[in-house]
Each structure stands twice: as C-alpha cells, then as structure tokens.
Amino acid sequence: MNMGDIFGLAGKMKEMQARMQEVQENLGKITEIGEAGAGMVRAVANGKKQLVSIEIDEDLMKTSDREILQDLIVAATNKALEKVEERAKDELQKSTEGMMPNIPGMDLEKMFKQ
C-alpha cells in the first residue's frame, strides 16, 4: 500500500464519518406511526427510537378497562418503533451506499444505538 492509497483511504473515512454524522442528526426528523385497536390508538416514534406522541380515540377513554388501553398503547408503540427502525436502517444504507463494500457480518447499525 503506497502513501496515495493511505491518504485516499483517510479521505474516504472522513467523508463517511461526515455522512454518518449527518444521518445521525436526520434520524430525529424521520417519524413513523404505529396503530392498534383498528386505529383507536396511534403512536408516533422518531428515528432515534423516541416516542414522539400518542393519540387515543375518545371512545377508548370512556371505557373502564385500563388493561385494554394499556395493551393497545404498548402495541401501537411497538409497531411505530419497528417501522421507524426499518426506515432508519434504509436511510443509513442509502447514505453510505458506495462508501464501503458490503462486508458480511458488519453491522453499521450498531454505530447509531443510543
């Protein structure tokens, strides 16, 4: 490996680091909605795996069965988090496309766990 290769590799690494930082910052802007109970409970999560909001249908608020409401909130939240995780993974792959070879077993997603 000559000096030009080393400098080229260092430049690529810097570029990739900048792209990764940009993706990390944009994850908060990505949102997905999860629904449960035929849409009676809606949860919104962002790409940083944070719950942003919960909407509960008024009719559910009138029921005296707290367990059903709690279960629907958990289900909607989990669905939103699953969707946003998949979308964040797609965004990461798009942003690093062509930067690094696809190395089996290398999981760049771990770099964004908070």
PDB file of N, CA and C in Angstrom:
ATOM      1  N   MET A   1       0.857  -1.176   0.000  1.00  0.00           N
ATOM      2  CA  MET A   1       0.000   0.000   0.000  1.00  0.00           C
ATOM      3  C   MET A   1       0.899   1.234   0.000  1.00  0.00           C
ATOM      4  N   ASN A   2       0.699   2.111  -0.972  1.00  0.00           N
ATOM      5  CA  ASN A   2       1.532   3.311  -1.032  1.00  0.00           C
ATOM      6  C   ASN A   2       0.871   4.471  -0.286  1.00  0.00           C
ATOM      7  N   MET A   3       1.586   5.570  -0.193  1.00  0.00           N
ATOM      8  CA  MET A   3       1.094   6.739   0.571  1.00  0.00           C
ATOM      9  C   MET A   3      -0.188   7.303  -0.043  1.00  0.00           C
ATOM     10  N   GLY A   4      -0.307   7.287  -1.354  1.00  0.00           N
ATOM     11  CA  GLY A   4      -1.519   7.789  -2.009  1.00  0.00           C
ATOM     12  C   GLY A   4      -2.744   6.986  -1.593  1.00  0.00           C
ATOM     13  N   ASP A   5      -2.569   5.663  -1.496  1.00  0.00           N
ATOM     14  CA  ASP A   5      -3.669   4.801  -1.050  1.00  0.00           C
ATOM     15  C   ASP A   5      -4.079   5.121   0.385  1.00  0.00           C
ATOM     16  N   ILE A   6      -3.095   5.354   1.229  1.00  0.00           N
ATOM     17  CA  ILE A   6      -3.367   5.657   2.631  1.00  0.00           C
ATOM     18  C   ILE A   6      -4.119   6.979   2.748  1.00  0.00           C
ATOM     19  N   PHE A   7      -3.673   8.002   2.020  1.00  0.00           N
ATOM     20  CA  PHE A   7      -4.354   9.297   2.061  1.00  0.00           C
ATOM     21  C   PHE A   7      -5.758   9.198   1.468  1.00  0.00           C
ATOM     22  N   GLY A   8      -5.897   8.405   0.414  1.00  0.00           N
ATOM     23  CA  GLY A   8      -7.220   8.200  -0.192  1.00  0.00           C
ATOM     24  C   GLY A   8      -8.172   7.525   0.781  1.00  0.00           C
ATOM     25  N   LEU A   9      -7.657   6.525   1.482  1.00  0.00           N
ATOM     26  CA  LEU A   9      -8.467   5.812   2.472  1.00  0.00           C
ATOM     27  C   LEU A   9      -8.850   6.739   3.618  1.00  0.00           C
ATOM     28  N   ALA A  10      -7.910   7.556   4.062  1.00  0.00           N
ATOM     29  CA  ALA A  10      -8.198   8.503   5.143  1.00  0.00           C
ATOM     30  C   ALA A  10      -9.266   9.500   4.707  1.00  0.00           C
ATOM     31  N   GLY A  11      -9.199   9.956   3.483  1.00  0.00           N
ATOM     32  CA  GLY A  11     -10.207  10.882   2.955  1.00  0.00           C
ATOM     33  C   GLY A  11     -11.577  10.239   2.904  1.00  0.00           C
ATOM     34  N   LYS A  12     -11.624   8.983   2.459  1.00  0.00           N
ATOM     35  CA  LYS A  12     -12.900   8.254   2.408  1.00  0.00           C
ATOM     36  C   LYS A  12     -13.482   8.080   3.803  1.00  0.00           C
ATOM     37  N   MET A  13     -12.626   7.788   4.761  1.00  0.00           N
ATOM     38  CA  MET A  13     -13.090   7.600   6.136  1.00  0.00           C
ATOM     39  C   MET A  13     -13.664   8.906   6.691  1.00  0.00           C
ATOM     40  N   LYS A  14     -13.018  10.021   6.384  1.00  0.00           N
ATOM     41  CA  LYS A  14     -13.515  11.321   6.839  1.00  0.00           C
ATOM     42  C   LYS A  14     -14.860  11.634   6.204  1.00  0.00           C
ATOM     43  N   GLU A  15     -14.977  11.333   4.920  1.00  0.00           N
ATOM     44  CA  GLU A  15     -16.234  11.576   4.208  1.00  0.00           C
ATOM     45  C   GLU A  15     -17.338  10.703   4.795  1.00  0.00           C
ATOM     46  N   MET A  16     -17.013   9.446   5.067  1.00  0.00           N
ATOM     47  CA  MET A  16     -18.002   8.542   5.635  1.00  0.00           C
ATOM     48  C   MET A  16     -18.418   9.007   7.034  1.00  0.00           C
ATOM     49  N   GLN A  17     -17.456   9.460   7.813  1.00  0.00           N
ATOM     50  CA  GLN A  17     -17.755   9.954   9.161  1.00  0.00           C
ATOM     51  C   GLN A  17     -18.694  11.158   9.091  1.00  0.00           C
ATOM     52  N   ALA A  18     -18.468  12.046   8.137  1.00  0.00           N
ATOM     53  CA  ALA A  18     -19.332  13.213   7.971  1.00  0.00           C
ATOM     54  C   ALA A  18     -20.739  12.791   7.565  1.00  0.00           C
ATOM     55  N   ARG A  19     -20.828  11.815   6.660  1.00  0.00           N
ATOM     56  CA  ARG A  19     -22.152  11.317   6.247  1.00  0.00           C
ATOM     57  C   ARG A  19     -22.880  10.654   7.406  1.00  0.00           C
ATOM     58  N   MET A  20     -22.154   9.889   8.189  1.00  0.00           N
ATOM     59  CA  MET A  20     -22.761   9.202   9.334  1.00  0.00           C
ATOM     60  C   MET A  20     -23.285  10.220  10.348  1.00  0.00           C
ATOM     61  N   GLN A  21     -22.537  11.279  10.566  1.00  0.00           N
ATOM     62  CA  GLN A  21     -22.972  12.336  11.486  1.00  0.00           C
ATOM     63  C   GLN A  21     -24.248  12.989  10.963  1.00  0.00           C
ATOM     64  N   GLU A  22     -24.299  13.227   9.670  1.00  0.00           N
ATOM     65  CA  GLU A  22     -25.476  13.834   9.046  1.00  0.00           C
ATOM     66  C   GLU A  22     -26.694  12.922   9.198  1.00  0.00           C
ATOM     67  N   VAL A  23     -26.490  11.632   8.975  1.00  0.00           N
ATOM     68  CA  VAL A  23     -27.587  10.677   9.131  1.00  0.00           C
ATOM     69  C   VAL A  23     -28.074  10.671  10.575  1.00  0.00           C
ATOM     70  N   GLN A  24     -27.149  10.661  11.513  1.00  0.00           N
ATOM     71  CA  GLN A  24     -27.497  10.668  12.938  1.00  0.00           C
ATOM     72  C   GLN A  24     -28.366  11.875  13.276  1.00  0.00           C
ATOM     73  N   GLU A  25     -28.005  13.028  12.744  1.00  0.00           N
ATOM     74  CA  GLU A  25     -28.771  14.248  13.011  1.00  0.00           C
ATOM     75  C   GLU A  25     -30.158  14.183  12.371  1.00  0.00           C
ATOM     76  N   ASN A  26     -30.257  13.547  11.206  1.00  0.00           N
ATOM     77  CA  ASN A  26     -31.533  13.473  10.499  1.00  0.00           C
ATOM     78  C   ASN A  26     -32.482  12.416  11.055  1.00  0.00           C
ATOM     79  N   LEU A  27     -31.983  11.511  11.876  1.00  0.00           N
ATOM     80  CA  LEU A  27     -32.845  10.462  12.418  1.00  0.00           C
ATOM     81  C   LEU A  27     -34.000  11.037  13.243  1.00  0.00           C
ATOM     82  N   GLY A  28     -33.785  12.147  13.885  1.00  0.00           N
ATOM     83  CA  GLY A  28     -34.849  12.771  14.672  1.00  0.00           C
ATOM     84  C   GLY A  28     -35.978  13.300  13.818  1.00  0.00           C
ATOM     85  N   LYS A  29     -35.712  13.514  12.532  1.00  0.00           N
ATOM     86  CA  LYS A  29     -36.730  14.040  11.617  1.00  0.00           C
ATOM     87  C   LYS A  29     -37.581  12.935  10.994  1.00  0.00           C
ATOM     88  N   ILE A  30     -37.096  11.710  11.050  1.00  0.00           N
ATOM     89  CA  ILE A  30     -37.825  10.572  10.494  1.00  0.00           C
ATOM     90  C   ILE A  30     -38.867  10.142  11.520  1.00  0.00           C
ATOM     91  N   THR A  31     -40.124  10.016  11.101  1.00  0.00           N
ATOM     92  CA  THR A  31     -41.156   9.530  12.010  1.00  0.00           C
ATOM     93  C   THR A  31     -41.991   8.445  11.331  1.00  0.00           C
ATOM     94  N   GLU A  32     -42.510   7.578  12.138  1.00  0.00           N
ATOM     95  CA  GLU A  32     -43.408   6.527  11.679  1.00  0.00           C
ATOM     96  C   GLU A  32     -44.532   6.387  12.698  1.00  0.00           C
ATOM     97  N   ILE A  33     -45.693   5.929  12.206  1.00  0.00           N
ATOM     98  CA  ILE A  33     -46.881   5.772  13.047  1.00  0.00           C
ATOM     99  C   ILE A  33     -47.191   4.290  13.196  1.00  0.00           C
ATOM    100  N   GLY A  34     -47.496   3.892  14.427  1.00  0.00           N
ATOM    101  CA  GLY A  34     -47.973   2.543  14.700  1.00  0.00           C
ATOM    102  C   GLY A  34     -49.380   2.657  15.248  1.00  0.00           C
ATOM    103  N   GLU A  35     -50.265   1.763  14.792  1.00  0.00           N
ATOM    104  CA  GLU A  35     -51.655   1.798  15.236  1.00  0.00           C
ATOM    105  C   GLU A  35     -52.042   0.475  15.870  1.00  0.00           C
ATOM    106  N   ALA A  36     -52.994   0.540  16.799  1.00  0.00           N
ATOM    107  CA  ALA A  36     -53.551  -0.656  17.415  1.00  0.00           C
ATOM    108  C   ALA A  36     -55.031  -0.406  17.658  1.00  0.00           C
ATOM    109  N   GLY A  37     -55.769  -1.502  17.818  1.00  0.00           N
ATOM    110  CA  GLY A  37     -57.194  -1.369  18.068  1.00  0.00           C
ATOM    111  C   GLY A  37     -57.914  -0.704  16.915  1.00  0.00           C
ATOM    112  N   ALA A  38     -57.607  -1.130  15.702  1.00  0.00           N
ATOM    113  CA  ALA A  38     -58.223  -0.560  14.493  1.00  0.00           C
ATOM    114  C   ALA A  38     -58.052   0.957  14.426  1.00  0.00           C
ATOM    115  N   GLY A  39     -56.865   1.416  14.834  1.00  0.00           N
ATOM    116  CA  GLY A  39     -56.559   2.840  14.746  1.00  0.00           C
ATOM    117  C   GLY A  39     -57.037   3.658  15.937  1.00  0.00           C
ATOM    118  N   MET A  40     -57.560   3.002  16.953  1.00  0.00           N
ATOM    119  CA  MET A  40     -58.045   3.744  18.126  1.00  0.00           C
ATOM    120  C   MET A  40     -56.892   4.295  18.958  1.00  0.00           C
ATOM    121  N   VAL A  41     -55.731   3.667  18.834  1.00  0.00           N
ATOM    122  CA  VAL A  41     -54.515   4.165  19.490  1.00  0.00           C
ATOM    123  C   VAL A  41     -53.448   4.299  18.425  1.00  0.00           C
ATOM    124  N   ARG A  42     -52.842   5.487  18.365  1.00  0.00           N
ATOM    125  CA  ARG A  42     -51.777   5.759  17.399  1.00  0.00           C
ATOM    126  C   ARG A  42     -50.563   6.283  18.157  1.00  0.00           C
ATOM    127  N   ALA A  43     -49.417   5.689  17.849  1.00  0.00           N
ATOM    128  CA  ALA A  43     -48.164   6.120  18.454  1.00  0.00           C
ATOM    129  C   ALA A  43     -47.232   6.595  17.344  1.00  0.00           C
ATOM    130  N   VAL A  44     -46.527   7.683  17.590  1.00  0.00           N
ATOM    131  CA  VAL A  44     -45.551   8.216  16.640  1.00  0.00           C
ATOM    132  C   VAL A  44     -44.177   8.145  17.293  1.00  0.00           C
ATOM    133  N   ALA A  45     -43.224   7.530  16.566  1.00  0.00           N
ATOM    134  CA  ALA A  45     -41.844   7.415  17.044  1.00  0.00           C
ATOM    135  C   ALA A  45     -40.915   8.008  16.003  1.00  0.00           C
ATOM    136  N   ASN A  46     -39.757   8.507  16.476  1.00  0.00           N
ATOM    137  CA  ASN A  46     -38.784   9.052  15.528  1.00  0.00           C
ATOM    138  C   ASN A  46     -37.624   8.079  15.333  1.00  0.00           C
ATOM    139  N   GLY A  47     -36.741   8.426  14.412  1.00  0.00           N
ATOM    140  CA  GLY A  47     -35.620   7.563  14.060  1.00  0.00           C
ATOM    141  C   GLY A  47     -34.600   7.387  15.152  1.00  0.00           C
ATOM    142  N   LYS A  48     -34.705   8.169  16.201  1.00  0.00           N
ATOM    143  CA  LYS A  48     -33.817   7.990  17.349  1.00  0.00           C
ATOM    144  C   LYS A  48     -34.450   7.064  18.373  1.00  0.00           C
ATOM    145  N   LYS A  49     -35.537   6.393  17.936  1.00  0.00           N
ATOM    146  CA  LYS A  49     -36.276   5.446  18.766  1.00  0.00           C
ATOM    147  C   LYS A  49     -36.862   6.112  20.010  1.00  0.00           C
ATOM    148  N   GLN A  50     -37.361   7.324  19.805  1.00  0.00           N
ATOM    149  CA  GLN A  50     -38.033   8.056  20.871  1.00  0.00           C
ATOM    150  C   GLN A  50     -39.513   8.152  20.531  1.00  0.00           C
ATOM    151  N   LEU A  51     -40.354   7.964  21.520  1.00  0.00           N
ATOM    152  CA  LEU A  51     -41.786   8.127  21.338  1.00  0.00           C
ATOM    153  C   LEU A  51     -42.080   9.613  21.282  1.00  0.00           C
ATOM    154  N   VAL A  52     -42.725  10.057  20.202  1.00  0.00           N
ATOM    155  CA  VAL A  52     -42.982  11.480  19.987  1.00  0.00           C
ATOM    156  C   VAL A  52     -44.376  11.856  20.468  1.00  0.00           C
ATOM    157  N   SER A  53     -45.368  11.009  20.168  1.00  0.00           N
ATOM    158  CA  SER A  53     -46.729  11.308  20.619  1.00  0.00           C
ATOM    159  C   SER A  53     -47.583  10.051  20.646  1.00  0.00           C
ATOM    160  N   ILE A  54     -48.677  10.152  21.405  1.00  0.00           N
ATOM    161  CA  ILE A  54     -49.692   9.094  21.489  1.00  0.00           C
ATOM    162  C   ILE A  54     -51.042   9.758  21.302  1.00  0.00           C
ATOM    163  N   GLU A  55     -51.872   9.168  20.440  1.00  0.00           N
ATOM    164  CA  GLU A  55     -53.242   9.642  20.261  1.00  0.00           C
ATOM    165  C   GLU A  55     -54.175   8.510  20.657  1.00  0.00           C
ATOM    166  N   ILE A  56     -55.167   8.824  21.484  1.00  0.00           N
ATOM    167  CA  ILE A  56     -56.122   7.821  21.946  1.00  0.00           C
ATOM    168  C   ILE A  56     -57.520   8.297  21.579  1.00  0.00           C
ATOM    169  N   ASP A  57     -58.252   7.434  20.879  1.00  0.00           N
ATOM    170  CA  ASP A  57     -59.614   7.752  20.487  1.00  0.00           C
ATOM    171  C   ASP A  57     -60.458   8.041  21.734  1.00  0.00           C
ATOM    172  N   GLU A  58     -61.314   9.027  21.620  1.00  0.00           N
ATOM    173  CA  GLU A  58     -62.159   9.439  22.747  1.00  0.00           C
ATOM    174  C   GLU A  58     -63.000   8.297  23.299  1.00  0.00           C
ATOM    175  N   ASP A  59     -63.496   7.431  22.429  1.00  0.00           N
ATOM    176  CA  ASP A  59     -64.329   6.315  22.880  1.00  0.00           C
ATOM    177  C   ASP A  59     -63.567   5.369  23.808  1.00  0.00           C
ATOM    178  N   LEU A  60     -62.273   5.235  23.581  1.00  0.00           N
ATOM    179  CA  LEU A  60     -61.465   4.381  24.453  1.00  0.00           C
ATOM    180  C   LEU A  60     -61.306   4.998  25.834  1.00  0.00           C
ATOM    181  N   MET A  61     -61.321   6.298  25.894  1.00  0.00           N
ATOM    182  CA  MET A  61     -61.161   6.984  27.174  1.00  0.00           C
ATOM    183  C   MET A  61     -62.393   6.788  28.065  1.00  0.00           C
ATOM    184  N   LYS A  62     -63.512   6.455  27.459  1.00  0.00           N
ATOM    185  CA  LYS A  62     -64.749   6.270  28.215  1.00  0.00           C
ATOM    186  C   LYS A  62     -64.842   4.875  28.826  1.00  0.00           C
ATOM    187  N   THR A  63     -64.034   3.969  28.330  1.00  0.00           N
ATOM    188  CA  THR A  63     -64.085   2.602  28.839  1.00  0.00           C
ATOM    189  C   THR A  63     -63.412   2.523  30.204  1.00  0.00           C
ATOM    190  N   SER A  64     -63.861   1.605  31.003  1.00  0.00           N
ATOM    191  CA  SER A  64     -63.283   1.468  32.346  1.00  0.00           C
ATOM    192  C   SER A  64     -62.212   0.377  32.384  1.00  0.00           C
ATOM    193  N   ASP A  65     -61.922  -0.225  31.238  1.00  0.00           N
ATOM    194  CA  ASP A  65     -60.947  -1.308  31.183  1.00  0.00           C
ATOM    195  C   ASP A  65     -59.549  -0.755  30.881  1.00  0.00           C
ATOM    196  N   ARG A  66     -58.829  -0.443  31.918  1.00  0.00           N
ATOM    197  CA  ARG A  66     -57.482   0.119  31.780  1.00  0.00           C
ATOM    198  C   ARG A  66     -56.529  -0.838  31.089  1.00  0.00           C
ATOM    199  N   GLU A  67     -56.680  -2.135  31.349  1.00  0.00           N
ATOM    200  CA  GLU A  67     -55.764  -3.120  30.776  1.00  0.00           C
ATOM    201  C   GLU A  67     -55.818  -3.114  29.254  1.00  0.00           C
ATOM    202  N   ILE A  68     -57.020  -2.984  28.692  1.00  0.00           N
ATOM    203  CA  ILE A  68     -57.139  -2.932  27.235  1.00  0.00           C
ATOM    204  C   ILE A  68     -56.420  -1.700  26.702  1.00  0.00           C
ATOM    205  N   LEU A  69     -56.632  -0.574  27.325  1.00  0.00           N
ATOM    206  CA  LEU A  69     -55.982   0.669  26.901  1.00  0.00           C
ATOM    207  C   LEU A  69     -54.465   0.544  26.996  1.00  0.00           C
ATOM    208  N   GLN A  70     -53.988   0.001  28.094  1.00  0.00           N
ATOM    209  CA  GLN A  70     -52.544  -0.167  28.261  1.00  0.00           C
ATOM    210  C   GLN A  70     -51.966  -1.088  27.186  1.00  0.00           C
ATOM    211  N   ASP A  71     -52.654  -2.196  26.911  1.00  0.00           N
ATOM    212  CA  ASP A  71     -52.186  -3.130  25.885  1.00  0.00           C
ATOM    213  C   ASP A  71     -52.146  -2.475  24.506  1.00  0.00           C
ATOM    214  N   LEU A  72     -53.167  -1.677  24.190  1.00  0.00           N
ATOM    215  CA  LEU A  72     -53.210  -1.007  22.888  1.00  0.00           C
ATOM    216  C   LEU A  72     -52.094   0.030  22.764  1.00  0.00           C
ATOM    217  N   ILE A  73     -51.800   0.727  23.840  1.00  0.00           N
ATOM    218  CA  ILE A  73     -50.710   1.710  23.818  1.00  0.00           C
ATOM    219  C   ILE A  73     -49.375   1.010  23.573  1.00  0.00           C
ATOM    220  N   VAL A  74     -49.138  -0.075  24.264  1.00  0.00           N
ATOM    221  CA  VAL A  74     -47.893  -0.832  24.084  1.00  0.00           C
ATOM    222  C   VAL A  74     -47.796  -1.356  22.653  1.00  0.00           C
ATOM    223  N   ALA A  75     -48.892  -1.925  22.136  1.00  0.00           N
ATOM    224  CA  ALA A  75     -48.883  -2.478  20.777  1.00  0.00           C
ATOM    225  C   ALA A  75     -48.617  -1.399  19.737  1.00  0.00           C
ATOM    226  N   ALA A  76     -49.285  -0.258  19.858  1.00  0.00           N
ATOM    227  CA  ALA A  76     -49.085   0.829  18.898  1.00  0.00           C
ATOM    228  C   ALA A  76     -47.658   1.362  18.969  1.00  0.00           C
ATOM    229  N   THR A  77     -47.131   1.498  20.168  1.00  0.00           N
ATOM    230  CA  THR A  77     -45.758   1.995  20.348  1.00  0.00           C
ATOM    231  C   THR A  77     -44.754   1.031  19.728  1.00  0.00           C
ATOM    232  N   ASN A  78     -44.932  -0.245  19.980  1.00  0.00           N
ATOM    233  CA  ASN A  78     -44.009  -1.239  19.413  1.00  0.00           C
ATOM    234  C   ASN A  78     -44.055  -1.242  17.892  1.00  0.00           C
ATOM    235  N   LYS A  79     -45.237  -1.104  17.313  1.00  0.00           N
ATOM    236  CA  LYS A  79     -45.357  -1.055  15.858  1.00  0.00           C
ATOM    237  C   LYS A  79     -44.636   0.170  15.296  1.00  0.00           C
ATOM    238  N   ALA A  80     -44.814   1.315  15.933  1.00  0.00           N
ATOM    239  CA  ALA A  80     -44.149   2.541  15.471  1.00  0.00           C
ATOM    240  C   ALA A  80     -42.635   2.394  15.547  1.00  0.00           C
ATOM    241  N   LEU A  81     -42.138   1.817  16.636  1.00  0.00           N
ATOM    242  CA  LEU A  81     -40.693   1.643  16.799  1.00  0.00           C
ATOM    243  C   LEU A  81     -40.125   0.658  15.778  1.00  0.00           C
ATOM    244  N   GLU A  82     -40.862  -0.411  15.474  1.00  0.00           N
ATOM    245  CA  GLU A  82     -40.412  -1.360  14.456  1.00  0.00           C
ATOM    246  C   GLU A  82     -40.323  -0.686  13.091  1.00  0.00           C
ATOM    247  N   LYS A  83     -41.356   0.083  12.747  1.00  0.00           N
ATOM    248  CA  LYS A  83     -41.374   0.760  11.443  1.00  0.00           C
ATOM    249  C   LYS A  83     -40.234   1.770  11.326  1.00  0.00           C
ATOM    250  N   VAL A  84     -40.035   2.556  12.370  1.00  0.00           N
ATOM    251  CA  VAL A  84     -39.022   3.605  12.292  1.00  0.00           C
ATOM    252  C   VAL A  84     -37.612   3.009  12.301  1.00  0.00           C
ATOM    253  N   GLU A  85     -37.436   1.884  12.970  1.00  0.00           N
ATOM    254  CA  GLU A  85     -36.126   1.229  12.956  1.00  0.00           C
ATOM    255  C   GLU A  85     -35.783   0.756  11.547  1.00  0.00           C
ATOM    256  N   GLU A  86     -36.755   0.180  10.872  1.00  0.00           N
ATOM    257  CA  GLU A  86     -36.549  -0.285   9.499  1.00  0.00           C
ATOM    258  C   GLU A  86     -36.251   0.895   8.574  1.00  0.00           C
ATOM    259  N   ARG A  87     -36.988   1.968   8.752  1.00  0.00           N
ATOM    260  CA  ARG A  87     -36.776   3.150   7.905  1.00  0.00           C
ATOM    261  C   ARG A  87     -35.416   3.788   8.172  1.00  0.00           C
ATOM    262  N   ALA A  88     -35.008   3.839   9.431  1.00  0.00           N
ATOM    263  CA  ALA A  88     -33.696   4.394   9.782  1.00  0.00           C
ATOM    264  C   ALA A  88     -32.586   3.546   9.165  1.00  0.00           C
ATOM    265  N   LYS A  89     -32.767   2.226   9.182  1.00  0.00           N
ATOM    266  CA  LYS A  89     -31.779   1.323   8.583  1.00  0.00           C
ATOM    267  C   LYS A  89     -31.664   1.596   7.085  1.00  0.00           C
ATOM    268  N   ASP A  90     -32.815   1.791   6.426  1.00  0.00           N
ATOM    269  CA  ASP A  90     -32.807   2.107   4.992  1.00  0.00           C
ATOM    270  C   ASP A  90     -32.085   3.419   4.719  1.00  0.00           C
ATOM    271  N   GLU A  91     -32.341   4.428   5.545  1.00  0.00           N
ATOM    272  CA  GLU A  91     -31.689   5.732   5.371  1.00  0.00           C
ATOM    273  C   GLU A  91     -30.176   5.603   5.546  1.00  0.00           C
ATOM    274  N   LEU A  92     -29.752   4.810   6.506  1.00  0.00           N
ATOM    275  CA  LEU A  92     -28.326   4.602   6.741  1.00  0.00           C
ATOM    276  C   LEU A  92     -27.691   3.921   5.534  1.00  0.00           C
ATOM    277  N   GLN A  93     -28.357   2.911   5.004  1.00  0.00           N
ATOM    278  CA  GLN A  93     -27.816   2.214   3.837  1.00  0.00           C
ATOM    279  C   GLN A  93     -27.712   3.143   2.640  1.00  0.00           C
ATOM    280  N   LYS A  94     -28.734   3.988   2.430  1.00  0.00           N
ATOM    281  CA  LYS A  94     -28.693   4.933   1.316  1.00  0.00           C
ATOM    282  C   LYS A  94     -27.529   5.909   1.466  1.00  0.00           C
ATOM    283  N   SER A  95     -27.328   6.390   2.684  1.00  0.00           N
ATOM    284  CA  SER A  95     -26.308   7.419   2.881  1.00  0.00           C
ATOM    285  C   SER A  95     -24.892   6.880   2.783  1.00  0.00           C
ATOM    286  N   THR A  96     -24.704   5.594   3.028  1.00  0.00           N
ATOM    287  CA  THR A  96     -23.359   5.026   2.962  1.00  0.00           C
ATOM    288  C   THR A  96     -23.142   4.209   1.695  1.00  0.00           C
ATOM    289  N   GLU A  97     -24.127   4.214   0.806  1.00  0.00           N
ATOM    290  CA  GLU A  97     -24.033   3.455  -0.433  1.00  0.00           C
ATOM    291  C   GLU A  97     -22.794   3.878  -1.221  1.00  0.00           C
ATOM    292  N   GLY A  98     -22.014   2.897  -1.608  1.00  0.00           N
ATOM    293  CA  GLY A  98     -20.822   3.167  -2.395  1.00  0.00           C
ATOM    294  C   GLY A  98     -19.613   3.590  -1.572  1.00  0.00           C
ATOM    295  N   MET A  99     -19.824   3.844  -0.292  1.00  0.00           N
ATOM    296  CA  MET A  99     -18.711   4.280   0.557  1.00  0.00           C
ATOM    297  C   MET A  99     -17.871   3.093   1.015  1.00  0.00           C
ATOM    298  N   MET A 100     -18.551   2.000   1.351  1.00  0.00           N
ATOM    299  CA  MET A 100     -17.839   0.838   1.860  1.00  0.00           C
ATOM    300  C   MET A 100     -18.367  -0.406   1.165  1.00  0.00           C
ATOM    301  N   PRO A 101     -17.530  -1.404   1.051  1.00  0.00           N
ATOM    302  CA  PRO A 101     -18.023  -2.661   0.479  1.00  0.00           C
ATOM    303  C   PRO A 101     -18.996  -3.318   1.447  1.00  0.00           C
ATOM    304  N   ASN A 102     -19.867  -4.141   0.912  1.00  0.00           N
ATOM    305  CA  ASN A 102     -20.814  -4.870   1.740  1.00  0.00           C
ATOM    306  C   ASN A 102     -20.068  -6.045   2.364  1.00  0.00           C
ATOM    307  N   ILE A 103     -19.711  -5.902   3.618  1.00  0.00           N
ATOM    308  CA  ILE A 103     -18.939  -6.925   4.307  1.00  0.00           C
ATOM    309  C   ILE A 103     -19.899  -7.745   5.166  1.00  0.00           C
ATOM    310  N   PRO A 104     -20.051  -9.027   4.863  1.00  0.00           N
ATOM    311  CA  PRO A 104     -20.968  -9.860   5.647  1.00  0.00           C
ATOM    312  C   PRO A 104     -20.609  -9.820   7.125  1.00  0.00           C
ATOM    313  N   GLY A 105     -21.622  -9.646   7.950  1.00  0.00           N
ATOM    314  CA  GLY A 105     -21.408  -9.613   9.393  1.00  0.00           C
ATOM    315  C   GLY A 105     -21.094  -8.244   9.937  1.00  0.00           C
ATOM    316  N   MET A 106     -20.810  -7.275   9.073  1.00  0.00           N
ATOM    317  CA  MET A 106     -20.513  -5.916   9.552  1.00  0.00           C
ATOM    318  C   MET A 106     -21.827  -5.160   9.694  1.00  0.00           C
ATOM    319  N   ASP A 107     -22.124  -4.749  10.903  1.00  0.00           N
ATOM    320  CA  ASP A 107     -23.399  -4.109  11.184  1.00  0.00           C
ATOM    321  C   ASP A 107     -23.174  -2.654  11.559  1.00  0.00           C
ATOM    322  N   LEU A 108     -23.354  -1.755  10.577  1.00  0.00           N
ATOM    323  CA  LEU A 108     -23.175  -0.315  10.820  1.00  0.00           C
ATOM    324  C   LEU A 108     -24.267   0.239  11.716  1.00  0.00           C
ATOM    325  N   GLU A 109     -25.357  -0.470  11.818  1.00  0.00           N
ATOM    326  CA  GLU A 109     -26.490  -0.011  12.626  1.00  0.00           C
ATOM    327  C   GLU A 109     -26.088   0.187  14.089  1.00  0.00           C
ATOM    328  N   LYS A 110     -25.149  -0.622  14.568  1.00  0.00           N
ATOM    329  CA  LYS A 110     -24.702  -0.525  15.957  1.00  0.00           C
ATOM    330  C   LYS A 110     -24.074   0.833  16.256  1.00  0.00           C
ATOM    331  N   MET A 111     -23.592   1.499  15.233  1.00  0.00           N
ATOM    332  CA  MET A 111     -22.961   2.803  15.418  1.00  0.00           C
ATOM    333  C   MET A 111     -23.984   3.855  15.831  1.00  0.00           C
ATOM    334  N   PHE A 112     -25.278   3.588  15.596  1.00  0.00           N
ATOM    335  CA  PHE A 112     -26.304   4.575  15.858  1.00  0.00           C
ATOM    336  C   PHE A 112     -27.155   4.230  17.061  1.00  0.00           C
ATOM    337  N   LYS A 113     -26.804   3.203  17.793  1.00  0.00           N
ATOM    338  CA  LYS A 113     -27.558   2.867  19.001  1.00  0.00           C
ATOM    339  C   LYS A 113     -27.248   3.914  20.045  1.00  0.00           C
ATOM    340  N   GLN A 114     -28.299   4.331  20.733  1.00  0.00           N
ATOM    341  CA  GLN A 114     -28.105   5.385  21.735  1.00  0.00           C
ATOM    342  C   GLN A 114     -28.217   4.828  23.119  1.00  0.00           C
TER     343      GLN A 114
END
